Amino acid sequence: MRVVLADDAVLLREGLVALLARFHHHVVAVGDAAALADAVDAQRPDVVVTDVRMPPSYTDEGLHAAVALRVRHPGLPVLVLSQYVATAYAAKLLESTETGGVGYLLKDRILDVAEFVDGIQRVAAGGCVIDPEVVRQLLTRRHDPLTRLTPREREVLALMAEGRSNAAITTALTISEKVVGKHINAIFTKLDLPADSTDDHRRVRAVLTYLQRKEP
C-alpha cells in the first residue's frame, strides 16, 4: 500500500515508517497538518494514518485536516492514531463511513503489531476499525462534556471561569505557564472547541460550558 503518515513526534513517526516497511508498505511521513494535505494531494495514497495533535496549536489540527481531506478526496481512507479522543471531529469523521474506510485507534491500547497493520489494511480496503474506548467517549459526549476533563484540567477551567489570566493560574496552581497552556489546549479539544476559532473565543465558550454544567 501507499501510506501517508502524519505525526509530529519524530521518534514515533520514524518507528511507524520502519514498522510499515517491514510489511512491504511504501510510506511518506510528515510532521504537520499542512504537509499532510500536500502529501495527500501529491501521492494519492491508499490510506492516511494521522495523529490528532499537531503544530502550531497542538489541539486537533490532524483530525481537522483528515475531515477536510475526506471532503476534497471523497472516499479517501483515513485511520486516526492518537492518545486521546477529540470527540467533535471524531464523530464527524466516523459519520462518513459510507464514503470510504475510516478508523480511530488509541496508541496506548494497541498491543499487537500485526493487528495494528491489519487494521490499517482493513481501513484501506473500505472497512471501519474503531477502538471501543472511542465509542464510549463518543457516547459520553452526548451527556456532560466536563466529564472528559482530568481533575487538573477542571481546576484550570474553574480558574478561567473566575477570570484569571494564564499567569494568575500559574501562580494559583504553582505550575509553569507552559503547562497551563497545555492544559488549556487540552480543555479546548475535549470540549470540542476547534482550532479554527480564536483563542479568546474558545476561552469564552469553555467558560460558558463550565458555568452551564457545574453543580450548584
N, C-alpha and C. Protein backbone atom coordinates (compact mmCIF):
# COMPACT_ATOMS: atom_id res chain seq x y z
N MET A 1 0.83 -1.20 0.00
CA MET A 1 0.00 0.00 0.00
C MET A 1 0.87 1.25 0.00
N ARG A 2 0.31 2.34 -0.50
CA ARG A 2 0.92 3.65 -0.36
C ARG A 2 0.26 4.34 0.82
N VAL A 3 1.06 4.68 1.82
CA VAL A 3 0.55 5.24 3.06
C VAL A 3 1.14 6.64 3.27
N VAL A 4 0.28 7.60 3.59
CA VAL A 4 0.76 8.90 4.06
C VAL A 4 0.55 8.92 5.57
N LEU A 5 1.64 9.13 6.30
CA LEU A 5 1.63 9.09 7.75
C LEU A 5 1.94 10.48 8.30
N ALA A 6 1.12 10.96 9.22
CA ALA A 6 1.33 12.29 9.80
C ALA A 6 1.38 12.18 11.32
N ASP A 7 2.53 12.55 11.90
CA ASP A 7 2.69 12.58 13.35
C ASP A 7 3.84 13.54 13.66
N ASP A 8 3.64 14.43 14.63
CA ASP A 8 4.69 15.43 14.91
C ASP A 8 5.81 14.85 15.77
N ALA A 9 5.60 13.69 16.40
CA ALA A 9 6.63 13.08 17.24
C ALA A 9 7.61 12.30 16.34
N VAL A 10 8.84 12.80 16.24
CA VAL A 10 9.80 12.25 15.28
C VAL A 10 10.08 10.77 15.53
N LEU A 11 10.33 10.39 16.77
CA LEU A 11 10.68 9.00 17.06
C LEU A 11 9.53 8.05 16.72
N LEU A 12 8.32 8.46 17.10
CA LEU A 12 7.16 7.62 16.79
C LEU A 12 6.94 7.55 15.29
N ARG A 13 7.07 8.68 14.62
CA ARG A 13 6.87 8.71 13.17
C ARG A 13 7.85 7.79 12.45
N GLU A 14 9.13 7.90 12.80
CA GLU A 14 10.13 7.07 12.15
C GLU A 14 9.96 5.59 12.51
N GLY A 15 9.51 5.34 13.74
CA GLY A 15 9.26 3.97 14.14
C GLY A 15 8.13 3.34 13.34
N LEU A 16 7.08 4.12 13.09
CA LEU A 16 5.96 3.61 12.30
C LEU A 16 6.36 3.40 10.84
N VAL A 17 7.21 4.29 10.33
CA VAL A 17 7.70 4.10 8.96
C VAL A 17 8.44 2.77 8.84
N ALA A 18 9.33 2.50 9.80
CA ALA A 18 10.09 1.25 9.78
C ALA A 18 9.17 0.04 9.94
N LEU A 19 8.19 0.17 10.83
CA LEU A 19 7.25 -0.92 11.06
C LEU A 19 6.47 -1.25 9.79
N LEU A 20 5.92 -0.25 9.14
CA LEU A 20 5.13 -0.50 7.94
C LEU A 20 5.99 -0.99 6.79
N ALA A 21 7.25 -0.56 6.75
CA ALA A 21 8.17 -1.05 5.71
C ALA A 21 8.40 -2.55 5.86
N ARG A 22 8.40 -3.04 7.11
CA ARG A 22 8.55 -4.48 7.34
C ARG A 22 7.43 -5.28 6.68
N PHE A 23 6.27 -4.64 6.53
CA PHE A 23 5.13 -5.31 5.91
C PHE A 23 5.01 -4.90 4.43
N HIS A 24 6.10 -4.32 3.90
CA HIS A 24 6.23 -4.02 2.47
C HIS A 24 5.29 -2.90 2.00
N HIS A 25 5.00 -1.96 2.91
CA HIS A 25 4.20 -0.81 2.52
C HIS A 25 5.11 0.40 2.29
N HIS A 26 4.77 1.22 1.30
CA HIS A 26 5.53 2.43 1.00
C HIS A 26 4.93 3.58 1.79
N VAL A 27 5.75 4.28 2.57
CA VAL A 27 5.25 5.32 3.47
C VAL A 27 5.90 6.66 3.18
N VAL A 28 5.07 7.70 3.07
CA VAL A 28 5.53 9.09 3.05
C VAL A 28 5.13 9.69 4.38
N ALA A 29 6.11 10.15 5.16
CA ALA A 29 5.85 10.62 6.53
C ALA A 29 6.04 12.13 6.61
N VAL A 30 5.10 12.79 7.32
CA VAL A 30 5.16 14.24 7.51
C VAL A 30 4.87 14.56 8.97
N GLY A 31 5.13 15.83 9.35
CA GLY A 31 5.02 16.19 10.75
C GLY A 31 4.00 17.24 11.11
N ASP A 32 3.20 17.72 10.13
CA ASP A 32 2.17 18.71 10.47
C ASP A 32 1.02 18.60 9.48
N ALA A 33 -0.07 19.29 9.79
CA ALA A 33 -1.30 19.15 9.01
C ALA A 33 -1.16 19.71 7.59
N ALA A 34 -0.43 20.83 7.44
CA ALA A 34 -0.25 21.40 6.11
C ALA A 34 0.52 20.44 5.21
N ALA A 35 1.57 19.84 5.75
CA ALA A 35 2.36 18.87 4.98
C ALA A 35 1.53 17.62 4.67
N LEU A 36 0.63 17.26 5.59
CA LEU A 36 -0.26 16.12 5.34
C LEU A 36 -1.13 16.38 4.11
N ALA A 37 -1.73 17.56 4.05
CA ALA A 37 -2.59 17.89 2.91
C ALA A 37 -1.79 17.88 1.61
N ASP A 38 -0.59 18.44 1.63
CA ASP A 38 0.25 18.47 0.43
C ASP A 38 0.64 17.06 0.00
N ALA A 39 0.97 16.21 0.97
CA ALA A 39 1.38 14.84 0.65
C ALA A 39 0.24 14.04 0.04
N VAL A 40 -0.96 14.23 0.57
CA VAL A 40 -2.11 13.50 0.02
C VAL A 40 -2.39 13.97 -1.41
N ASP A 41 -2.32 15.27 -1.63
CA ASP A 41 -2.56 15.79 -2.98
C ASP A 41 -1.52 15.24 -3.97
N ALA A 42 -0.27 15.13 -3.50
CA ALA A 42 0.81 14.69 -4.40
C ALA A 42 0.86 13.18 -4.58
N GLN A 43 0.59 12.44 -3.50
CA GLN A 43 0.81 10.98 -3.53
C GLN A 43 -0.44 10.17 -3.86
N ARG A 44 -1.62 10.73 -3.60
CA ARG A 44 -2.87 9.97 -3.76
C ARG A 44 -2.75 8.59 -3.11
N PRO A 45 -2.57 8.56 -1.79
CA PRO A 45 -2.28 7.30 -1.10
C PRO A 45 -3.49 6.36 -1.03
N ASP A 46 -3.19 5.12 -0.69
CA ASP A 46 -4.26 4.14 -0.45
C ASP A 46 -4.91 4.36 0.91
N VAL A 47 -4.17 4.97 1.83
CA VAL A 47 -4.69 5.23 3.18
C VAL A 47 -3.86 6.31 3.85
N VAL A 48 -4.51 7.10 4.70
CA VAL A 48 -3.85 8.11 5.52
C VAL A 48 -3.89 7.65 6.97
N VAL A 49 -2.76 7.73 7.65
CA VAL A 49 -2.69 7.46 9.09
C VAL A 49 -2.23 8.76 9.75
N THR A 50 -3.04 9.33 10.63
CA THR A 50 -2.70 10.63 11.19
C THR A 50 -2.96 10.71 12.69
N ASP A 51 -2.10 11.47 13.36
CA ASP A 51 -2.32 11.82 14.76
C ASP A 51 -3.33 12.96 14.80
N VAL A 52 -3.78 13.32 16.00
CA VAL A 52 -4.73 14.42 16.17
C VAL A 52 -3.99 15.73 16.43
N ARG A 53 -3.13 15.74 17.43
CA ARG A 53 -2.44 16.98 17.82
C ARG A 53 -1.22 17.23 16.95
N MET A 54 -1.18 18.42 16.37
CA MET A 54 -0.06 18.81 15.50
C MET A 54 0.19 20.30 15.64
N PRO A 55 1.37 20.75 15.16
CA PRO A 55 1.65 22.18 15.17
C PRO A 55 0.63 22.92 14.30
N PRO A 56 0.34 24.22 14.56
CA PRO A 56 1.04 25.03 15.57
C PRO A 56 0.41 25.02 16.96
N SER A 57 -0.88 24.71 17.08
CA SER A 57 -1.54 24.84 18.39
C SER A 57 -1.58 23.54 19.17
N TYR A 58 -1.25 22.41 18.52
CA TYR A 58 -1.24 21.10 19.18
C TYR A 58 -2.60 20.79 19.80
N THR A 59 -3.66 21.07 19.05
CA THR A 59 -5.01 20.70 19.51
C THR A 59 -5.55 19.60 18.60
N ASP A 60 -6.28 19.98 17.56
CA ASP A 60 -6.93 18.97 16.73
C ASP A 60 -6.63 19.14 15.24
N GLU A 61 -5.47 19.73 14.92
CA GLU A 61 -5.16 20.02 13.52
C GLU A 61 -5.16 18.77 12.64
N GLY A 62 -4.60 17.67 13.14
CA GLY A 62 -4.51 16.46 12.34
C GLY A 62 -5.88 15.90 11.98
N LEU A 63 -6.76 15.86 12.95
CA LEU A 63 -8.10 15.32 12.71
C LEU A 63 -8.92 16.28 11.85
N HIS A 64 -8.75 17.57 12.09
CA HIS A 64 -9.43 18.57 11.25
C HIS A 64 -8.99 18.43 9.81
N ALA A 65 -7.68 18.23 9.60
CA ALA A 65 -7.15 18.05 8.25
C ALA A 65 -7.71 16.78 7.61
N ALA A 66 -7.84 15.71 8.40
CA ALA A 66 -8.36 14.45 7.87
C ALA A 66 -9.80 14.62 7.38
N VAL A 67 -10.62 15.32 8.16
CA VAL A 67 -12.01 15.56 7.76
C VAL A 67 -12.04 16.38 6.47
N ALA A 68 -11.20 17.42 6.40
CA ALA A 68 -11.16 18.27 5.20
C ALA A 68 -10.68 17.47 3.98
N LEU A 69 -9.71 16.59 4.18
CA LEU A 69 -9.20 15.78 3.07
C LEU A 69 -10.26 14.82 2.55
N ARG A 70 -11.10 14.32 3.45
CA ARG A 70 -12.16 13.41 3.01
C ARG A 70 -13.18 14.16 2.14
N VAL A 71 -13.32 15.45 2.38
CA VAL A 71 -14.22 16.26 1.55
C VAL A 71 -13.57 16.50 0.19
N ARG A 72 -12.26 16.82 0.21
CA ARG A 72 -11.55 17.13 -1.03
C ARG A 72 -11.29 15.89 -1.87
N HIS A 73 -11.08 14.76 -1.18
CA HIS A 73 -10.83 13.49 -1.88
C HIS A 73 -11.86 12.46 -1.40
N PRO A 74 -13.07 12.51 -1.92
CA PRO A 74 -14.12 11.59 -1.44
C PRO A 74 -13.67 10.13 -1.50
N GLY A 75 -13.94 9.42 -0.41
CA GLY A 75 -13.57 8.01 -0.34
C GLY A 75 -12.18 7.76 0.17
N LEU A 76 -11.42 8.83 0.48
CA LEU A 76 -10.06 8.66 0.99
C LEU A 76 -10.09 7.91 2.32
N PRO A 77 -9.46 6.73 2.42
CA PRO A 77 -9.43 6.01 3.70
C PRO A 77 -8.53 6.72 4.71
N VAL A 78 -9.04 6.89 5.92
CA VAL A 78 -8.30 7.60 6.97
C VAL A 78 -8.36 6.81 8.27
N LEU A 79 -7.19 6.58 8.86
CA LEU A 79 -7.10 5.98 10.18
C LEU A 79 -6.47 7.00 11.12
N VAL A 80 -7.19 7.38 12.14
CA VAL A 80 -6.66 8.29 13.16
C VAL A 80 -5.98 7.44 14.24
N LEU A 81 -4.76 7.82 14.57
CA LEU A 81 -3.99 7.11 15.59
C LEU A 81 -3.54 8.13 16.62
N SER A 82 -4.12 8.09 17.81
CA SER A 82 -3.86 9.15 18.77
C SER A 82 -3.84 8.62 20.20
N GLN A 83 -3.50 9.50 21.13
CA GLN A 83 -3.51 9.13 22.54
C GLN A 83 -4.84 9.42 23.21
N TYR A 84 -5.69 10.19 22.55
CA TYR A 84 -6.95 10.56 23.16
C TYR A 84 -8.00 10.78 22.08
N VAL A 85 -9.23 11.01 22.50
CA VAL A 85 -10.34 11.15 21.56
C VAL A 85 -10.75 12.61 21.46
N ALA A 86 -10.65 13.18 20.27
CA ALA A 86 -11.16 14.52 20.01
C ALA A 86 -12.58 14.33 19.47
N THR A 87 -13.56 14.41 20.35
CA THR A 87 -14.88 13.88 20.05
C THR A 87 -15.62 14.58 18.93
N ALA A 88 -15.49 15.91 18.80
CA ALA A 88 -16.27 16.62 17.77
C ALA A 88 -15.90 16.16 16.38
N TYR A 89 -14.62 16.25 16.03
CA TYR A 89 -14.19 15.85 14.69
C TYR A 89 -14.22 14.34 14.55
N ALA A 90 -14.00 13.60 15.64
CA ALA A 90 -14.08 12.14 15.55
C ALA A 90 -15.47 11.71 15.11
N ALA A 91 -16.49 12.32 15.71
CA ALA A 91 -17.86 11.99 15.33
C ALA A 91 -18.10 12.32 13.87
N LYS A 92 -17.62 13.49 13.43
CA LYS A 92 -17.82 13.89 12.03
C LYS A 92 -17.12 12.93 11.08
N LEU A 93 -15.89 12.52 11.44
CA LEU A 93 -15.16 11.59 10.60
C LEU A 93 -15.85 10.24 10.53
N LEU A 94 -16.26 9.72 11.69
CA LEU A 94 -16.83 8.38 11.73
C LEU A 94 -18.23 8.32 11.14
N GLU A 95 -18.87 9.49 11.02
CA GLU A 95 -20.19 9.51 10.39
C GLU A 95 -20.09 9.35 8.87
N SER A 96 -18.86 9.44 8.33
CA SER A 96 -18.68 9.40 6.87
C SER A 96 -18.24 8.04 6.37
N THR A 97 -18.61 6.98 7.08
CA THR A 97 -18.15 5.64 6.71
C THR A 97 -18.68 5.18 5.35
N GLU A 98 -19.78 5.78 4.88
CA GLU A 98 -20.33 5.34 3.60
C GLU A 98 -19.48 5.82 2.42
N THR A 99 -18.53 6.73 2.66
CA THR A 99 -17.72 7.26 1.56
C THR A 99 -16.28 6.77 1.61
N GLY A 100 -16.03 5.64 2.27
CA GLY A 100 -14.67 5.10 2.32
C GLY A 100 -14.30 4.67 3.72
N GLY A 101 -13.23 3.89 3.81
CA GLY A 101 -12.83 3.34 5.10
C GLY A 101 -12.39 4.40 6.10
N VAL A 102 -12.73 4.19 7.37
CA VAL A 102 -12.29 5.07 8.44
C VAL A 102 -11.92 4.23 9.66
N GLY A 103 -11.07 4.80 10.50
CA GLY A 103 -10.70 4.12 11.74
C GLY A 103 -10.22 5.12 12.77
N TYR A 104 -10.30 4.73 14.03
CA TYR A 104 -9.81 5.57 15.13
C TYR A 104 -9.28 4.62 16.20
N LEU A 105 -7.95 4.60 16.35
CA LEU A 105 -7.31 3.73 17.33
C LEU A 105 -6.52 4.57 18.33
N LEU A 106 -6.44 4.09 19.55
CA LEU A 106 -5.69 4.78 20.61
C LEU A 106 -4.33 4.11 20.77
N LYS A 107 -3.28 4.93 20.72
CA LYS A 107 -1.91 4.42 20.73
C LYS A 107 -1.64 3.50 21.92
N ASP A 108 -2.06 3.92 23.09
CA ASP A 108 -1.74 3.16 24.30
C ASP A 108 -2.48 1.84 24.41
N ARG A 109 -3.49 1.63 23.57
CA ARG A 109 -4.29 0.41 23.67
C ARG A 109 -3.96 -0.60 22.56
N ILE A 110 -2.97 -0.28 21.73
CA ILE A 110 -2.55 -1.21 20.69
C ILE A 110 -1.51 -2.17 21.29
N LEU A 111 -1.84 -3.44 21.34
CA LEU A 111 -0.99 -4.43 21.99
C LEU A 111 -0.36 -5.42 21.02
N ASP A 112 -0.79 -5.40 19.77
CA ASP A 112 -0.29 -6.37 18.80
C ASP A 112 0.00 -5.66 17.49
N VAL A 113 1.25 -5.72 17.04
CA VAL A 113 1.68 -5.03 15.83
C VAL A 113 0.93 -5.55 14.61
N ALA A 114 0.80 -6.85 14.50
CA ALA A 114 0.14 -7.43 13.33
C ALA A 114 -1.32 -6.99 13.25
N GLU A 115 -1.99 -6.92 14.41
CA GLU A 115 -3.38 -6.47 14.42
C GLU A 115 -3.48 -5.01 14.00
N PHE A 116 -2.51 -4.20 14.42
CA PHE A 116 -2.49 -2.78 14.04
C PHE A 116 -2.35 -2.65 12.53
N VAL A 117 -1.40 -3.36 11.95
CA VAL A 117 -1.20 -3.30 10.50
C VAL A 117 -2.42 -3.83 9.78
N ASP A 118 -3.03 -4.87 10.32
CA ASP A 118 -4.25 -5.41 9.73
C ASP A 118 -5.36 -4.36 9.76
N GLY A 119 -5.42 -3.58 10.84
CA GLY A 119 -6.41 -2.51 10.94
C GLY A 119 -6.23 -1.48 9.85
N ILE A 120 -4.97 -1.09 9.58
CA ILE A 120 -4.70 -0.15 8.50
C ILE A 120 -5.16 -0.72 7.16
N GLN A 121 -4.87 -1.99 6.93
CA GLN A 121 -5.25 -2.62 5.68
C GLN A 121 -6.78 -2.71 5.53
N ARG A 122 -7.46 -2.96 6.63
CA ARG A 122 -8.93 -3.02 6.58
C ARG A 122 -9.52 -1.66 6.25
N VAL A 123 -8.96 -0.60 6.83
CA VAL A 123 -9.43 0.75 6.52
C VAL A 123 -9.16 1.06 5.04
N ALA A 124 -7.96 0.72 4.57
CA ALA A 124 -7.62 0.97 3.16
C ALA A 124 -8.57 0.24 2.22
N ALA A 125 -9.08 -0.91 2.67
CA ALA A 125 -10.00 -1.70 1.85
C ALA A 125 -11.45 -1.24 1.97
N GLY A 126 -11.68 -0.16 2.75
CA GLY A 126 -13.03 0.37 2.88
C GLY A 126 -13.72 0.01 4.17
N GLY A 127 -13.02 -0.67 5.10
CA GLY A 127 -13.63 -1.08 6.35
C GLY A 127 -13.60 -0.01 7.43
N CYS A 128 -14.11 -0.38 8.59
CA CYS A 128 -14.20 0.54 9.73
C CYS A 128 -13.56 -0.13 10.94
N VAL A 129 -12.59 0.54 11.55
CA VAL A 129 -11.88 0.00 12.71
C VAL A 129 -11.90 1.05 13.81
N ILE A 130 -12.61 0.76 14.90
CA ILE A 130 -12.77 1.76 15.96
C ILE A 130 -12.50 1.11 17.31
N ASP A 131 -11.63 1.74 18.11
CA ASP A 131 -11.37 1.26 19.46
C ASP A 131 -12.63 1.42 20.32
N PRO A 132 -12.99 0.43 21.13
CA PRO A 132 -14.18 0.53 21.97
C PRO A 132 -14.17 1.76 22.89
N GLU A 133 -12.98 2.19 23.33
CA GLU A 133 -12.91 3.37 24.19
C GLU A 133 -13.34 4.63 23.44
N VAL A 134 -13.07 4.68 22.14
CA VAL A 134 -13.52 5.81 21.33
C VAL A 134 -15.05 5.84 21.31
N VAL A 135 -15.65 4.67 21.13
CA VAL A 135 -17.11 4.59 21.13
C VAL A 135 -17.67 5.07 22.46
N ARG A 136 -17.05 4.62 23.56
CA ARG A 136 -17.53 5.01 24.89
C ARG A 136 -17.49 6.53 25.07
N GLN A 137 -16.39 7.14 24.63
CA GLN A 137 -16.26 8.58 24.81
C GLN A 137 -17.20 9.36 23.91
N LEU A 138 -17.47 8.82 22.74
CA LEU A 138 -18.44 9.49 21.86
C LEU A 138 -19.84 9.44 22.45
N LEU A 139 -20.15 8.35 23.13
CA LEU A 139 -21.45 8.27 23.81
C LEU A 139 -21.50 9.22 25.00
N THR A 140 -20.39 9.33 25.72
CA THR A 140 -20.31 10.25 26.86
C THR A 140 -20.51 11.69 26.40
N ARG A 141 -20.04 11.99 25.19
CA ARG A 141 -20.14 13.34 24.64
C ARG A 141 -21.58 13.84 24.63
N ARG A 142 -22.53 12.90 24.54
CA ARG A 142 -23.93 13.31 24.50
C ARG A 142 -24.42 13.80 25.86
N HIS A 143 -23.64 13.56 26.88
CA HIS A 143 -24.06 13.95 28.23
C HIS A 143 -23.21 15.13 28.70
N ASP A 144 -22.53 15.03 29.80
CA ASP A 144 -21.78 16.15 30.35
C ASP A 144 -20.38 16.20 29.77
N PRO A 145 -20.04 17.22 28.98
CA PRO A 145 -18.70 17.27 28.38
C PRO A 145 -17.59 17.47 29.41
N LEU A 146 -17.92 17.97 30.59
CA LEU A 146 -16.88 18.20 31.60
C LEU A 146 -16.32 16.89 32.14
N THR A 147 -17.04 15.79 31.94
CA THR A 147 -16.53 14.50 32.42
C THR A 147 -15.29 14.06 31.65
N ARG A 148 -15.03 14.68 30.50
CA ARG A 148 -13.84 14.33 29.72
C ARG A 148 -12.56 14.95 30.30
N LEU A 149 -12.71 15.94 31.15
CA LEU A 149 -11.55 16.65 31.67
C LEU A 149 -10.92 15.91 32.84
N THR A 150 -9.60 16.02 32.95
CA THR A 150 -8.90 15.49 34.12
C THR A 150 -9.16 16.42 35.31
N PRO A 151 -8.92 15.97 36.54
CA PRO A 151 -9.10 16.85 37.70
C PRO A 151 -8.30 18.15 37.57
N ARG A 152 -7.07 18.08 37.08
CA ARG A 152 -6.26 19.29 36.93
C ARG A 152 -6.85 20.22 35.87
N GLU A 153 -7.34 19.65 34.78
CA GLU A 153 -7.97 20.48 33.74
C GLU A 153 -9.21 21.17 34.28
N ARG A 154 -9.97 20.49 35.14
CA ARG A 154 -11.14 21.13 35.74
C ARG A 154 -10.72 22.27 36.66
N GLU A 155 -9.62 22.09 37.38
CA GLU A 155 -9.11 23.18 38.22
C GLU A 155 -8.75 24.40 37.37
N VAL A 156 -8.06 24.14 36.27
CA VAL A 156 -7.67 25.24 35.38
C VAL A 156 -8.91 25.94 34.82
N LEU A 157 -9.90 25.16 34.40
CA LEU A 157 -11.12 25.74 33.84
C LEU A 157 -11.88 26.54 34.89
N ALA A 158 -11.90 26.05 36.12
CA ALA A 158 -12.57 26.80 37.19
C ALA A 158 -11.91 28.16 37.40
N LEU A 159 -10.59 28.20 37.34
CA LEU A 159 -9.87 29.46 37.50
C LEU A 159 -10.10 30.36 36.28
N MET A 160 -10.19 29.78 35.10
CA MET A 160 -10.53 30.57 33.91
C MET A 160 -11.90 31.20 34.08
N ALA A 161 -12.84 30.45 34.65
CA ALA A 161 -14.19 30.97 34.87
C ALA A 161 -14.21 32.12 35.87
N GLU A 162 -13.19 32.17 36.74
CA GLU A 162 -13.07 33.29 37.68
C GLU A 162 -12.42 34.51 37.03
N GLY A 163 -12.06 34.39 35.76
CA GLY A 163 -11.45 35.49 35.05
C GLY A 163 -9.95 35.58 35.20
N ARG A 164 -9.32 34.50 35.71
CA ARG A 164 -7.86 34.52 35.91
C ARG A 164 -7.12 34.42 34.57
N SER A 165 -6.03 35.14 34.46
CA SER A 165 -5.15 35.03 33.30
C SER A 165 -4.30 33.78 33.42
N ASN A 166 -3.59 33.44 32.35
CA ASN A 166 -2.69 32.28 32.41
C ASN A 166 -1.64 32.47 33.50
N ALA A 167 -1.13 33.69 33.62
CA ALA A 167 -0.11 33.96 34.63
C ALA A 167 -0.69 33.78 36.04
N ALA A 168 -1.93 34.22 36.24
CA ALA A 168 -2.56 34.07 37.55
C ALA A 168 -2.84 32.61 37.87
N ILE A 169 -3.21 31.84 36.86
CA ILE A 169 -3.44 30.40 37.06
C ILE A 169 -2.13 29.72 37.42
N THR A 170 -1.05 30.15 36.77
CA THR A 170 0.29 29.62 37.08
C THR A 170 0.60 29.80 38.56
N THR A 171 0.33 30.99 39.07
CA THR A 171 0.60 31.29 40.48
C THR A 171 -0.30 30.48 41.41
N ALA A 172 -1.57 30.39 41.05
CA ALA A 172 -2.54 29.71 41.92
C ALA A 172 -2.25 28.22 42.03
N LEU A 173 -1.80 27.60 40.95
CA LEU A 173 -1.59 26.15 40.94
C LEU A 173 -0.13 25.76 41.08
N THR A 174 0.75 26.77 41.16
CA THR A 174 2.21 26.55 41.27
C THR A 174 2.73 25.60 40.18
N ILE A 175 2.34 25.88 38.94
CA ILE A 175 2.84 25.16 37.79
C ILE A 175 3.32 26.20 36.77
N SER A 176 4.08 25.77 35.78
CA SER A 176 4.62 26.72 34.81
C SER A 176 3.53 27.20 33.86
N GLU A 177 3.78 28.36 33.25
CA GLU A 177 2.81 28.90 32.30
C GLU A 177 2.70 28.02 31.06
N LYS A 178 3.80 27.35 30.71
CA LYS A 178 3.75 26.42 29.58
C LYS A 178 2.81 25.26 29.86
N VAL A 179 2.85 24.74 31.09
CA VAL A 179 1.95 23.65 31.47
C VAL A 179 0.51 24.13 31.47
N VAL A 180 0.29 25.34 31.95
CA VAL A 180 -1.05 25.91 31.93
C VAL A 180 -1.57 25.97 30.49
N GLY A 181 -0.71 26.42 29.57
CA GLY A 181 -1.11 26.49 28.17
C GLY A 181 -1.49 25.13 27.61
N LYS A 182 -0.74 24.10 28.00
CA LYS A 182 -1.05 22.73 27.53
C LYS A 182 -2.40 22.27 28.07
N HIS A 183 -2.65 22.58 29.35
CA HIS A 183 -3.95 22.20 29.93
C HIS A 183 -5.09 22.91 29.21
N ILE A 184 -4.90 24.18 28.90
CA ILE A 184 -5.96 24.95 28.24
C ILE A 184 -6.21 24.41 26.83
N ASN A 185 -5.16 24.07 26.11
CA ASN A 185 -5.35 23.47 24.79
C ASN A 185 -6.09 22.15 24.87
N ALA A 186 -5.77 21.36 25.91
CA ALA A 186 -6.47 20.09 26.10
C ALA A 186 -7.95 20.32 26.41
N ILE A 187 -8.23 21.35 27.21
CA ILE A 187 -9.62 21.70 27.53
C ILE A 187 -10.37 22.07 26.26
N PHE A 188 -9.76 22.92 25.42
CA PHE A 188 -10.41 23.31 24.17
C PHE A 188 -10.74 22.09 23.32
N THR A 189 -9.80 21.17 23.22
CA THR A 189 -10.01 19.98 22.40
C THR A 189 -11.11 19.10 22.97
N LYS A 190 -11.05 18.84 24.26
CA LYS A 190 -12.02 17.92 24.89
C LYS A 190 -13.43 18.51 24.94
N LEU A 191 -13.54 19.84 24.90
CA LEU A 191 -14.86 20.47 24.89
C LEU A 191 -15.32 20.77 23.46
N ASP A 192 -14.59 20.21 22.48
CA ASP A 192 -14.99 20.33 21.07
C ASP A 192 -14.98 21.77 20.59
N LEU A 193 -13.95 22.53 20.99
CA LEU A 193 -13.79 23.91 20.54
C LEU A 193 -12.64 23.91 19.54
N PRO A 194 -12.96 23.87 18.24
CA PRO A 194 -11.94 23.62 17.22
C PRO A 194 -10.94 24.74 17.05
N ALA A 195 -9.81 24.39 16.45
CA ALA A 195 -8.68 25.32 16.30
C ALA A 195 -8.97 26.42 15.30
N ASP A 196 -10.06 26.36 14.53
CA ASP A 196 -10.32 27.42 13.57
C ASP A 196 -11.02 28.62 14.20
N SER A 197 -11.25 28.57 15.54
CA SER A 197 -11.73 29.73 16.28
C SER A 197 -10.55 30.40 16.97
N THR A 198 -10.70 31.68 17.34
CA THR A 198 -9.63 32.36 18.05
C THR A 198 -9.56 31.84 19.48
N ASP A 199 -8.37 31.98 20.10
CA ASP A 199 -8.21 31.51 21.48
C ASP A 199 -9.15 32.24 22.43
N ASP A 200 -9.35 33.55 22.21
CA ASP A 200 -10.25 34.31 23.08
C ASP A 200 -11.67 33.77 22.98
N HIS A 201 -12.10 33.47 21.76
CA HIS A 201 -13.45 32.96 21.56
C HIS A 201 -13.60 31.58 22.21
N ARG A 202 -12.59 30.73 22.05
CA ARG A 202 -12.65 29.40 22.65
C ARG A 202 -12.63 29.49 24.17
N ARG A 203 -11.89 30.45 24.70
CA ARG A 203 -11.82 30.62 26.15
C ARG A 203 -13.19 30.98 26.71
N VAL A 204 -13.87 31.89 26.03
CA VAL A 204 -15.22 32.29 26.46
C VAL A 204 -16.17 31.11 26.39
N ARG A 205 -16.11 30.35 25.30
CA ARG A 205 -17.02 29.21 25.15
C ARG A 205 -16.72 28.12 26.18
N ALA A 206 -15.45 27.91 26.51
CA ALA A 206 -15.09 26.93 27.53
C ALA A 206 -15.66 27.33 28.88
N VAL A 207 -15.54 28.62 29.22
CA VAL A 207 -16.06 29.11 30.50
C VAL A 207 -17.58 28.99 30.54
N LEU A 208 -18.24 29.30 29.43
CA LEU A 208 -19.70 29.18 29.39
C LEU A 208 -20.13 27.73 29.59
N THR A 209 -19.42 26.80 28.99
CA THR A 209 -19.72 25.37 29.17
C THR A 209 -19.58 24.99 30.64
N TYR A 210 -18.51 25.48 31.27
CA TYR A 210 -18.28 25.17 32.69
C TYR A 210 -19.40 25.73 33.56
N LEU A 211 -19.78 26.98 33.32
CA LEU A 211 -20.81 27.62 34.14
C LEU A 211 -22.17 26.97 33.94
N GLN A 212 -22.43 26.50 32.74
CA GLN A 212 -23.72 25.84 32.47
C GLN A 212 -23.80 24.45 33.09
N ARG A 213 -22.64 23.78 33.24
CA ARG A 213 -22.63 22.38 33.64
C ARG A 213 -22.26 22.15 35.09
N LYS A 214 -21.55 23.09 35.72
CA LYS A 214 -21.07 22.82 37.05
C LYS A 214 -22.21 22.69 38.04
N GLU A 215 -21.97 21.89 39.05
CA GLU A 215 -23.00 21.62 40.04
C GLU A 215 -23.25 22.87 40.88
N PRO A 216 -24.49 23.12 41.32
CA PRO A 216 -24.78 24.27 42.16
C PRO A 216 -24.15 24.13 43.53
